[in-house]
Amino acid sequence: MAVECLRCCTVLNKEDWAASISGSILGDEHTDTYFRCAGCGFYTVVADWDDFTGVETTTVSGPLAGAEGDERVRLIRQCAQPWDKQCRCPAHRAYFHNTLD
């Protein structure tokens, strides 16, 4: 799936990846991936939701202003294992608003 910046429509690639975090909510796996557009400085977020029924849902949201996106990326980077959906560190709990399983 090609991701475009939701502010300026630039095609985002792996160099634009800023951070990802996964969590388990009600048994479902939720992953947010942040891309920062080098052109305009805004973030686009790709959210994947897997409820293990065989159909994964992907939504794209944004654009997030640089400061707001920077704050979220900083929070994600406080975790040593943001890909671990079972992690319950302070960063995971804060990011997912204490809704993790």
PDB file of N, CA and C in Angstrom:
ATOM      1  N   MET A   1       0.846  -1.186   0.000  1.00  0.00           N
ATOM      2  CA  MET A   1       0.000   0.000   0.000  1.00  0.00           C
ATOM      3  C   MET A   1       0.886   1.242   0.000  1.00  0.00           C
ATOM      4  N   ALA A   2       0.732   2.070  -1.001  1.00  0.00           N
ATOM      5  CA  ALA A   2       1.459   3.332  -1.053  1.00  0.00           C
ATOM      6  C   ALA A   2       0.777   4.322  -0.115  1.00  0.00           C
ATOM      7  N   VAL A   3       1.577   5.054   0.626  1.00  0.00           N
ATOM      8  CA  VAL A   3       1.055   6.050   1.556  1.00  0.00           C
ATOM      9  C   VAL A   3       1.428   7.427   1.034  1.00  0.00           C
ATOM     10  N   GLU A   4       0.440   8.294   0.986  1.00  0.00           N
ATOM     11  CA  GLU A   4       0.678   9.672   0.573  1.00  0.00           C
ATOM     12  C   GLU A   4       0.516  10.588   1.770  1.00  0.00           C
ATOM     13  N   CYS A   5       1.316  11.639   1.803  1.00  0.00           N
ATOM     14  CA  CYS A   5       1.161  12.670   2.824  1.00  0.00           C
ATOM     15  C   CYS A   5      -0.236  13.266   2.670  1.00  0.00           C
ATOM     16  N   LEU A   6      -0.962  13.336   3.758  1.00  0.00           N
ATOM     17  CA  LEU A   6      -2.324  13.856   3.686  1.00  0.00           C
ATOM     18  C   LEU A   6      -2.372  15.379   3.611  1.00  0.00           C
ATOM     19  N   ARG A   7      -1.211  16.010   3.697  1.00  0.00           N
ATOM     20  CA  ARG A   7      -1.185  17.466   3.548  1.00  0.00           C
ATOM     21  C   ARG A   7      -0.793  17.884   2.141  1.00  0.00           C
ATOM     22  N   CYS A   8       0.302  17.287   1.604  1.00  0.00           N
ATOM     23  CA  CYS A   8       0.807  17.765   0.311  1.00  0.00           C
ATOM     24  C   CYS A   8       0.803  16.689  -0.782  1.00  0.00           C
ATOM     25  N   CYS A   9       0.310  15.478  -0.463  1.00  0.00           N
ATOM     26  CA  CYS A   9       0.163  14.377  -1.426  1.00  0.00           C
ATOM     27  C   CYS A   9       1.482  13.777  -1.916  1.00  0.00           C
ATOM     28  N   THR A  10       2.603  14.080  -1.261  1.00  0.00           N
ATOM     29  CA  THR A  10       3.877  13.452  -1.601  1.00  0.00           C
ATOM     30  C   THR A  10       3.802  11.972  -1.237  1.00  0.00           C
ATOM     31  N   VAL A  11       4.317  11.104  -2.107  1.00  0.00           N
ATOM     32  CA  VAL A  11       4.372   9.680  -1.795  1.00  0.00           C
ATOM     33  C   VAL A  11       5.445   9.473  -0.729  1.00  0.00           C
ATOM     34  N   LEU A  12       5.059   8.838   0.375  1.00  0.00           N
ATOM     35  CA  LEU A  12       5.970   8.596   1.491  1.00  0.00           C
ATOM     36  C   LEU A  12       6.606   7.221   1.332  1.00  0.00           C
ATOM     37  N   ASN A  13       7.857   7.091   1.727  1.00  0.00           N
ATOM     38  CA  ASN A  13       8.556   5.818   1.596  1.00  0.00           C
ATOM     39  C   ASN A  13       9.256   5.473   2.907  1.00  0.00           C
ATOM     40  N   LYS A  14      10.071   4.438   2.893  1.00  0.00           N
ATOM     41  CA  LYS A  14      10.674   3.951   4.134  1.00  0.00           C
ATOM     42  C   LYS A  14      11.556   5.004   4.801  1.00  0.00           C
ATOM     43  N   GLU A  15      12.132   5.923   4.049  1.00  0.00           N
ATOM     44  CA  GLU A  15      12.941   6.984   4.645  1.00  0.00           C
ATOM     45  C   GLU A  15      12.080   7.971   5.443  1.00  0.00           C
ATOM     46  N   ASP A  16      10.790   8.004   5.168  1.00  0.00           N
ATOM     47  CA  ASP A  16       9.872   8.904   5.859  1.00  0.00           C
ATOM     48  C   ASP A  16       9.277   8.283   7.124  1.00  0.00           C
ATOM     49  N   TRP A  17       9.555   6.994   7.348  1.00  0.00           N
ATOM     50  CA  TRP A  17       9.052   6.314   8.545  1.00  0.00           C
ATOM     51  C   TRP A  17       9.676   6.973   9.770  1.00  0.00           C
ATOM     52  N   ALA A  18       8.851   7.269  10.769  1.00  0.00           N
ATOM     53  CA  ALA A  18       9.336   7.909  11.995  1.00  0.00           C
ATOM     54  C   ALA A  18       9.245   6.978  13.196  1.00  0.00           C
ATOM     55  N   ALA A  19       8.131   6.243  13.337  1.00  0.00           N
ATOM     56  CA  ALA A  19       7.955   5.353  14.486  1.00  0.00           C
ATOM     57  C   ALA A  19       6.713   4.501  14.292  1.00  0.00           C
ATOM     58  N   SER A  20       6.701   3.361  14.992  1.00  0.00           N
ATOM     59  CA  SER A  20       5.527   2.473  15.020  1.00  0.00           C
ATOM     60  C   SER A  20       5.361   1.951  16.430  1.00  0.00           C
ATOM     61  N   ILE A  21       4.124   1.658  16.788  1.00  0.00           N
ATOM     62  CA  ILE A  21       3.838   1.067  18.097  1.00  0.00           C
ATOM     63  C   ILE A  21       2.648   0.124  17.955  1.00  0.00           C
ATOM     64  N   SER A  22       2.715  -1.018  18.662  1.00  0.00           N
ATOM     65  CA  SER A  22       1.632  -2.010  18.632  1.00  0.00           C
ATOM     66  C   SER A  22       1.124  -2.256  20.046  1.00  0.00           C
ATOM     67  N   GLY A  23      -0.168  -2.522  20.139  1.00  0.00           N
ATOM     68  CA  GLY A  23      -0.773  -2.854  21.425  1.00  0.00           C
ATOM     69  C   GLY A  23      -1.934  -3.808  21.231  1.00  0.00           C
ATOM     70  N   SER A  24      -2.258  -4.536  22.293  1.00  0.00           N
ATOM     71  CA  SER A  24      -3.382  -5.465  22.278  1.00  0.00           C
ATOM     72  C   SER A  24      -4.547  -4.843  23.041  1.00  0.00           C
ATOM     73  N   ILE A  25      -5.659  -4.644  22.330  1.00  0.00           N
ATOM     74  CA  ILE A  25      -6.847  -4.026  22.910  1.00  0.00           C
ATOM     75  C   ILE A  25      -8.011  -4.974  22.697  1.00  0.00           C
ATOM     76  N   LEU A  26      -8.592  -5.469  23.783  1.00  0.00           N
ATOM     77  CA  LEU A  26      -9.702  -6.422  23.725  1.00  0.00           C
ATOM     78  C   LEU A  26      -9.360  -7.627  22.845  1.00  0.00           C
ATOM     79  N   GLY A  27      -8.089  -8.044  22.885  1.00  0.00           N
ATOM     80  CA  GLY A  27      -7.641  -9.193  22.119  1.00  0.00           C
ATOM     81  C   GLY A  27      -7.253  -8.884  20.684  1.00  0.00           C
ATOM     82  N   ASP A  28      -7.528  -7.674  20.227  1.00  0.00           N
ATOM     83  CA  ASP A  28      -7.170  -7.262  18.876  1.00  0.00           C
ATOM     84  C   ASP A  28      -5.800  -6.591  18.881  1.00  0.00           C
ATOM     85  N   GLU A  29      -5.096  -6.719  17.774  1.00  0.00           N
ATOM     86  CA  GLU A  29      -3.799  -6.049  17.660  1.00  0.00           C
ATOM     87  C   GLU A  29      -3.966  -4.751  16.896  1.00  0.00           C
ATOM     88  N   HIS A  30      -3.495  -3.662  17.517  1.00  0.00           N
ATOM     89  CA  HIS A  30      -3.582  -2.343  16.919  1.00  0.00           C
ATOM     90  C   HIS A  30      -2.162  -1.808  16.744  1.00  0.00           C
ATOM     91  N   THR A  31      -1.816  -1.368  15.534  1.00  0.00           N
ATOM     92  CA  THR A  31      -0.496  -0.813  15.251  1.00  0.00           C
ATOM     93  C   THR A  31      -0.655   0.533  14.560  1.00  0.00           C
ATOM     94  N   ASP A  32       0.017   1.547  15.107  1.00  0.00           N
ATOM     95  CA  ASP A  32       0.076   2.861  14.480  1.00  0.00           C
ATOM     96  C   ASP A  32       1.480   3.077  13.944  1.00  0.00           C
ATOM     97  N   THR A  33       1.569   3.536  12.702  1.00  0.00           N
ATOM     98  CA  THR A  33       2.852   3.835  12.082  1.00  0.00           C
ATOM     99  C   THR A  33       2.832   5.289  11.628  1.00  0.00           C
ATOM    100  N   TYR A  34       3.857   6.029  12.056  1.00  0.00           N
ATOM    101  CA  TYR A  34       3.970   7.452  11.756  1.00  0.00           C
ATOM    102  C   TYR A  34       4.988   7.685  10.652  1.00  0.00           C
ATOM    103  N   PHE A  35       4.567   8.450   9.640  1.00  0.00           N
ATOM    104  CA  PHE A  35       5.446   8.866   8.566  1.00  0.00           C
ATOM    105  C   PHE A  35       5.527  10.388   8.610  1.00  0.00           C
ATOM    106  N   ARG A  36       6.745  10.910   8.549  1.00  0.00           N
ATOM    107  CA  ARG A  36       6.932  12.365   8.527  1.00  0.00           C
ATOM    108  C   ARG A  36       7.372  12.774   7.132  1.00  0.00           C
ATOM    109  N   CYS A  37       6.595  13.639   6.519  1.00  0.00           N
ATOM    110  CA  CYS A  37       6.882  14.104   5.166  1.00  0.00           C
ATOM    111  C   CYS A  37       8.061  15.086   5.202  1.00  0.00           C
ATOM    112  N   ALA A  38       9.100  14.765   4.446  1.00  0.00           N
ATOM    113  CA  ALA A  38      10.275  15.638   4.381  1.00  0.00           C
ATOM    114  C   ALA A  38       9.942  16.960   3.699  1.00  0.00           C
ATOM    115  N   GLY A  39       8.950  16.942   2.831  1.00  0.00           N
ATOM    116  CA  GLY A  39       8.585  18.153   2.094  1.00  0.00           C
ATOM    117  C   GLY A  39       7.865  19.197   2.923  1.00  0.00           C
ATOM    118  N   CYS A  40       6.841  18.775   3.657  1.00  0.00           N
ATOM    119  CA  CYS A  40       6.026  19.750   4.394  1.00  0.00           C
ATOM    120  C   CYS A  40       6.180  19.656   5.911  1.00  0.00           C
ATOM    121  N   GLY A  41       6.803  18.566   6.401  1.00  0.00           N
ATOM    122  CA  GLY A  41       7.029  18.429   7.840  1.00  0.00           C
ATOM    123  C   GLY A  41       5.842  17.901   8.623  1.00  0.00           C
ATOM    124  N   PHE A  42       4.748  17.557   7.946  1.00  0.00           N
ATOM    125  CA  PHE A  42       3.576  17.026   8.636  1.00  0.00           C
ATOM    126  C   PHE A  42       3.656  15.498   8.692  1.00  0.00           C
ATOM    127  N   TYR A  43       2.904  14.922   9.613  1.00  0.00           N
ATOM    128  CA  TYR A  43       2.862  13.471   9.791  1.00  0.00           C
ATOM    129  C   TYR A  43       1.568  12.895   9.222  1.00  0.00           C
ATOM    130  N   THR A  44       1.677  11.711   8.672  1.00  0.00           N
ATOM    131  CA  THR A  44       0.543  10.898   8.264  1.00  0.00           C
ATOM    132  C   THR A  44       0.638   9.609   9.069  1.00  0.00           C
ATOM    133  N   VAL A  45      -0.492   9.139   9.603  1.00  0.00           N
ATOM    134  CA  VAL A  45      -0.509   7.960  10.468  1.00  0.00           C
ATOM    135  C   VAL A  45      -1.295   6.844   9.792  1.00  0.00           C
ATOM    136  N   VAL A  46      -0.668   5.674   9.700  1.00  0.00           N
ATOM    137  CA  VAL A  46      -1.327   4.480   9.177  1.00  0.00           C
ATOM    138  C   VAL A  46      -1.655   3.597  10.372  1.00  0.00           C
ATOM    139  N   ALA A  47      -2.945   3.323  10.562  1.00  0.00           N
ATOM    140  CA  ALA A  47      -3.407   2.496  11.681  1.00  0.00           C
ATOM    141  C   ALA A  47      -3.900   1.156  11.148  1.00  0.00           C
ATOM    142  N   ASP A  48      -3.309   0.084  11.640  1.00  0.00           N
ATOM    143  CA  ASP A  48      -3.721  -1.273  11.271  1.00  0.00           C
ATOM    144  C   ASP A  48      -4.395  -1.918  12.471  1.00  0.00           C
ATOM    145  N   TRP A  49      -5.553  -2.530  12.225  1.00  0.00           N
ATOM    146  CA  TRP A  49      -6.329  -3.194  13.267  1.00  0.00           C
ATOM    147  C   TRP A  49      -6.571  -4.624  12.827  1.00  0.00           C
ATOM    148  N   ASP A  50      -6.082  -5.579  13.619  1.00  0.00           N
ATOM    149  CA  ASP A  50      -6.252  -6.993  13.296  1.00  0.00           C
ATOM    150  C   ASP A  50      -7.067  -7.648  14.399  1.00  0.00           C
ATOM    151  N   ASP A  51      -8.290  -8.063  14.066  1.00  0.00           N
ATOM    152  CA  ASP A  51      -9.155  -8.725  15.054  1.00  0.00           C
ATOM    153  C   ASP A  51      -9.138 -10.240  14.889  1.00  0.00           C
ATOM    154  N   PHE A  52      -8.192 -10.735  14.074  1.00  0.00           N
ATOM    155  CA  PHE A  52      -7.956 -12.164  13.886  1.00  0.00           C
ATOM    156  C   PHE A  52      -9.156 -12.904  13.319  1.00  0.00           C
ATOM    157  N   THR A  53      -9.943 -12.214  12.488  1.00  0.00           N
ATOM    158  CA  THR A  53     -11.043 -12.851  11.769  1.00  0.00           C
ATOM    159  C   THR A  53     -10.644 -13.132  10.321  1.00  0.00           C
ATOM    160  N   GLY A  54      -9.411 -12.746   9.973  1.00  0.00           N
ATOM    161  CA  GLY A  54      -8.943 -12.928   8.611  1.00  0.00           C
ATOM    162  C   GLY A  54      -8.985 -11.656   7.790  1.00  0.00           C
ATOM    163  N   VAL A  55      -9.613 -10.611   8.333  1.00  0.00           N
ATOM    164  CA  VAL A  55      -9.694  -9.339   7.630  1.00  0.00           C
ATOM    165  C   VAL A  55      -9.051  -8.264   8.502  1.00  0.00           C
ATOM    166  N   GLU A  56      -7.961  -7.682   7.990  1.00  0.00           N
ATOM    167  CA  GLU A  56      -7.283  -6.604   8.711  1.00  0.00           C
ATOM    168  C   GLU A  56      -7.770  -5.272   8.166  1.00  0.00           C
ATOM    169  N   THR A  57      -7.994  -4.321   9.054  1.00  0.00           N
ATOM    170  CA  THR A  57      -8.465  -3.001   8.667  1.00  0.00           C
ATOM    171  C   THR A  57      -7.317  -2.009   8.739  1.00  0.00           C
ATOM    172  N   THR A  58      -7.174  -1.207   7.698  1.00  0.00           N
ATOM    173  CA  THR A  58      -6.153  -0.167   7.669  1.00  0.00           C
ATOM    174  C   THR A  58      -6.826   1.170   7.406  1.00  0.00           C
ATOM    175  N   THR A  59      -6.489   2.158   8.239  1.00  0.00           N
ATOM    176  CA  THR A  59      -6.977   3.516   8.026  1.00  0.00           C
ATOM    177  C   THR A  59      -5.782   4.461   8.022  1.00  0.00           C
ATOM    178  N   VAL A  60      -5.935   5.547   7.320  1.00  0.00           N
ATOM    179  CA  VAL A  60      -4.891   6.562   7.248  1.00  0.00           C
ATOM    180  C   VAL A  60      -5.485   7.848   7.801  1.00  0.00           C
ATOM    181  N   SER A  61      -4.747   8.498   8.711  1.00  0.00           N
ATOM    182  CA  SER A  61      -5.250   9.734   9.313  1.00  0.00           C
ATOM    183  C   SER A  61      -4.165  10.799   9.335  1.00  0.00           C
ATOM    184  N   GLY A  62      -4.595  12.005   9.579  1.00  0.00           N
ATOM    185  CA  GLY A  62      -3.701  13.145   9.602  1.00  0.00           C
ATOM    186  C   GLY A  62      -4.311  14.225   8.726  1.00  0.00           C
ATOM    187  N   PRO A  63      -3.552  15.184   8.333  1.00  0.00           N
ATOM    188  CA  PRO A  63      -2.158  15.366   8.701  1.00  0.00           C
ATOM    189  C   PRO A  63      -2.034  15.904  10.121  1.00  0.00           C
ATOM    190  N   LEU A  64      -0.964  15.495  10.783  1.00  0.00           N
ATOM    191  CA  LEU A  64      -0.641  16.015  12.105  1.00  0.00           C
ATOM    192  C   LEU A  64       0.469  17.038  11.949  1.00  0.00           C
ATOM    193  N   ALA A  65       0.295  18.181  12.594  1.00  0.00           N
ATOM    194  CA  ALA A  65       1.346  19.194  12.565  1.00  0.00           C
ATOM    195  C   ALA A  65       2.616  18.626  13.177  1.00  0.00           C
ATOM    196  N   GLY A  66       3.745  19.147  12.754  1.00  0.00           N
ATOM    197  CA  GLY A  66       5.037  18.654  13.216  1.00  0.00           C
ATOM    198  C   GLY A  66       5.144  18.519  14.722  1.00  0.00           C
ATOM    199  N   ALA A  67       4.719  19.519  15.476  1.00  0.00           N
ATOM    200  CA  ALA A  67       4.849  19.484  16.936  1.00  0.00           C
ATOM    201  C   ALA A  67       4.023  18.354  17.549  1.00  0.00           C
ATOM    202  N   GLU A  68       2.797  18.171  17.095  1.00  0.00           N
ATOM    203  CA  GLU A  68       1.947  17.098  17.627  1.00  0.00           C
ATOM    204  C   GLU A  68       2.512  15.730  17.265  1.00  0.00           C
ATOM    205  N   GLY A  69       2.927  15.565  16.024  1.00  0.00           N
ATOM    206  CA  GLY A  69       3.530  14.309  15.599  1.00  0.00           C
ATOM    207  C   GLY A  69       4.830  14.038  16.333  1.00  0.00           C
ATOM    208  N   ASP A  70       5.658  15.076  16.497  1.00  0.00           N
ATOM    209  CA  ASP A  70       6.918  14.929  17.225  1.00  0.00           C
ATOM    210  C   ASP A  70       6.674  14.422  18.641  1.00  0.00           C
ATOM    211  N   GLU A  71       5.642  14.937  19.289  1.00  0.00           N
ATOM    212  CA  GLU A  71       5.312  14.519  20.658  1.00  0.00           C
ATOM    213  C   GLU A  71       4.945  13.039  20.708  1.00  0.00           C
ATOM    214  N   ARG A  72       4.111  12.592  19.776  1.00  0.00           N
ATOM    215  CA  ARG A  72       3.712  11.185  19.743  1.00  0.00           C
ATOM    216  C   ARG A  72       4.897  10.268  19.438  1.00  0.00           C
ATOM    217  N   VAL A  73       5.745  10.682  18.488  1.00  0.00           N
ATOM    218  CA  VAL A  73       6.933   9.897  18.146  1.00  0.00           C
ATOM    219  C   VAL A  73       7.875   9.824  19.337  1.00  0.00           C
ATOM    220  N   ARG A  74       8.046  10.930  20.056  1.00  0.00           N
ATOM    221  CA  ARG A  74       8.890  10.929  21.263  1.00  0.00           C
ATOM    222  C   ARG A  74       8.371   9.929  22.286  1.00  0.00           C
ATOM    223  N   LEU A  75       7.054   9.898  22.477  1.00  0.00           N
ATOM    224  CA  LEU A  75       6.448   8.959  23.417  1.00  0.00           C
ATOM    225  C   LEU A  75       6.717   7.520  22.991  1.00  0.00           C
ATOM    226  N   ILE A  76       6.505   7.212  21.730  1.00  0.00           N
ATOM    227  CA  ILE A  76       6.744   5.858  21.222  1.00  0.00           C
ATOM    228  C   ILE A  76       8.202   5.458  21.436  1.00  0.00           C
ATOM    229  N   ARG A  77       9.118   6.374  21.185  1.00  0.00           N
ATOM    230  CA  ARG A  77      10.548   6.065  21.300  1.00  0.00           C
ATOM    231  C   ARG A  77      11.016   5.866  22.731  1.00  0.00           C
ATOM    232  N   GLN A  78      10.170   6.151  23.699  1.00  0.00           N
ATOM    233  CA  GLN A  78      10.511   5.888  25.094  1.00  0.00           C
ATOM    234  C   GLN A  78      10.448   4.400  25.418  1.00  0.00           C
ATOM    235  N   CYS A  79       9.843   3.614  24.543  1.00  0.00           N
ATOM    236  CA  CYS A  79       9.742   2.168  24.736  1.00  0.00           C
ATOM    237  C   CYS A  79      10.861   1.474  23.962  1.00  0.00           C
ATOM    238  N   ALA A  80      11.528   0.522  24.618  1.00  0.00           N
ATOM    239  CA  ALA A  80      12.602  -0.230  23.972  1.00  0.00           C
ATOM    240  C   ALA A  80      12.063  -1.250  22.968  1.00  0.00           C
ATOM    241  N   GLN A  81      10.782  -1.634  23.105  1.00  0.00           N
ATOM    242  CA  GLN A  81      10.183  -2.639  22.226  1.00  0.00           C
ATOM    243  C   GLN A  81       8.782  -2.203  21.789  1.00  0.00           C
ATOM    244  N   PRO A  82       8.663  -1.130  21.032  1.00  0.00           N
ATOM    245  CA  PRO A  82       7.338  -0.628  20.668  1.00  0.00           C
ATOM    246  C   PRO A  82       6.539  -1.596  19.807  1.00  0.00           C
ATOM    247  N   TRP A  83       7.182  -2.551  19.174  1.00  0.00           N
ATOM    248  CA  TRP A  83       6.500  -3.554  18.339  1.00  0.00           C
ATOM    249  C   TRP A  83       5.841  -4.645  19.178  1.00  0.00           C
ATOM    250  N   ASP A  84       6.176  -4.734  20.472  1.00  0.00           N
ATOM    251  CA  ASP A  84       5.669  -5.788  21.345  1.00  0.00           C
ATOM    252  C   ASP A  84       4.278  -5.414  21.854  1.00  0.00           C
ATOM    253  N   LYS A  85       3.261  -6.034  21.290  1.00  0.00           N
ATOM    254  CA  LYS A  85       1.883  -5.693  21.664  1.00  0.00           C
ATOM    255  C   LYS A  85       1.550  -6.062  23.105  1.00  0.00           C
ATOM    256  N   GLN A  86       2.389  -6.867  23.742  1.00  0.00           N
ATOM    257  CA  GLN A  86       2.173  -7.251  25.142  1.00  0.00           C
ATOM    258  C   GLN A  86       2.905  -6.335  26.126  1.00  0.00           C
ATOM    259  N   CYS A  87       3.706  -5.403  25.629  1.00  0.00           N
ATOM    260  CA  CYS A  87       4.464  -4.500  26.489  1.00  0.00           C
ATOM    261  C   CYS A  87       3.497  -3.602  27.271  1.00  0.00           C
ATOM    262  N   ARG A  88       3.800  -3.409  28.533  1.00  0.00           N
ATOM    263  CA  ARG A  88       2.965  -2.558  29.385  1.00  0.00           C
ATOM    264  C   ARG A  88       3.797  -1.462  30.054  1.00  0.00           C
ATOM    265  N   CYS A  89       4.822  -1.005  29.351  1.00  0.00           N
ATOM    266  CA  CYS A  89       5.678   0.053  29.878  1.00  0.00           C
ATOM    267  C   CYS A  89       4.870   1.355  29.978  1.00  0.00           C
ATOM    268  N   PRO A  90       5.403   2.355  30.681  1.00  0.00           N
ATOM    269  CA  PRO A  90       4.680   3.637  30.784  1.00  0.00           C
ATOM    270  C   PRO A  90       4.361   4.264  29.424  1.00  0.00           C
ATOM    271  N   ALA A  91       5.261   4.116  28.446  1.00  0.00           N
ATOM    272  CA  ALA A  91       5.002   4.711  27.124  1.00  0.00           C
ATOM    273  C   ALA A  91       3.824   4.031  26.435  1.00  0.00           C
ATOM    274  N   HIS A  92       3.779   2.696  26.482  1.00  0.00           N
ATOM    275  CA  HIS A  92       2.643   1.969  25.887  1.00  0.00           C
ATOM    276  C   HIS A  92       1.334   2.357  26.588  1.00  0.00           C
ATOM    277  N   ARG A  93       1.364   2.380  27.908  1.00  0.00           N
ATOM    278  CA  ARG A  93       0.127   2.714  28.638  1.00  0.00           C
ATOM    279  C   ARG A  93      -0.331   4.126  28.321  1.00  0.00           C
ATOM    280  N   ALA A  94       0.600   5.059  28.247  1.00  0.00           N
ATOM    281  CA  ALA A  94       0.230   6.445  27.941  1.00  0.00           C
ATOM    282  C   ALA A  94      -0.283   6.567  26.507  1.00  0.00           C
ATOM    283  N   TYR A  95       0.419   5.945  25.555  1.00  0.00           N
ATOM    284  CA  TYR A  95       0.030   6.058  24.160  1.00  0.00           C
ATOM    285  C   TYR A  95      -1.382   5.505  23.938  1.00  0.00           C
ATOM    286  N   PHE A  96      -1.660   4.355  24.521  1.00  0.00           N
ATOM    287  CA  PHE A  96      -2.959   3.709  24.329  1.00  0.00           C
ATOM    288  C   PHE A  96      -3.974   4.088  25.420  1.00  0.00           C
ATOM    289  N   HIS A  97      -3.687   5.130  26.178  1.00  0.00           N
ATOM    290  CA  HIS A  97      -4.612   5.659  27.176  1.00  0.00           C
ATOM    291  C   HIS A  97      -5.120   4.608  28.152  1.00  0.00           C
ATOM    292  N   ASN A  98      -4.206   3.719  28.580  1.00  0.00           N
ATOM    293  CA  ASN A  98      -4.532   2.655  29.551  1.00  0.00           C
ATOM    294  C   ASN A  98      -5.680   1.758  29.106  1.00  0.00           C
ATOM    295  N   THR A  99      -5.779   1.501  27.799  1.00  0.00           N
ATOM    296  CA  THR A  99      -6.843   0.613  27.284  1.00  0.00           C
ATOM    297  C   THR A  99      -6.311  -0.760  26.879  1.00  0.00           C
ATOM    298  N   LEU A 100      -5.040  -1.041  27.165  1.00  0.00           N
ATOM    299  CA  LEU A 100      -4.453  -2.315  26.774  1.00  0.00           C
ATOM    300  C   LEU A 100      -5.021  -3.469  27.592  1.00  0.00           C
ATOM    301  N   ASP A 101      -5.018  -4.671  27.004  1.00  0.00           N
ATOM    302  CA  ASP A 101      -5.494  -5.872  27.707  1.00  0.00           C
ATOM    303  C   ASP A 101      -4.712  -6.069  28.991  1.00  0.00           C
TER     304      ASP A 101
END
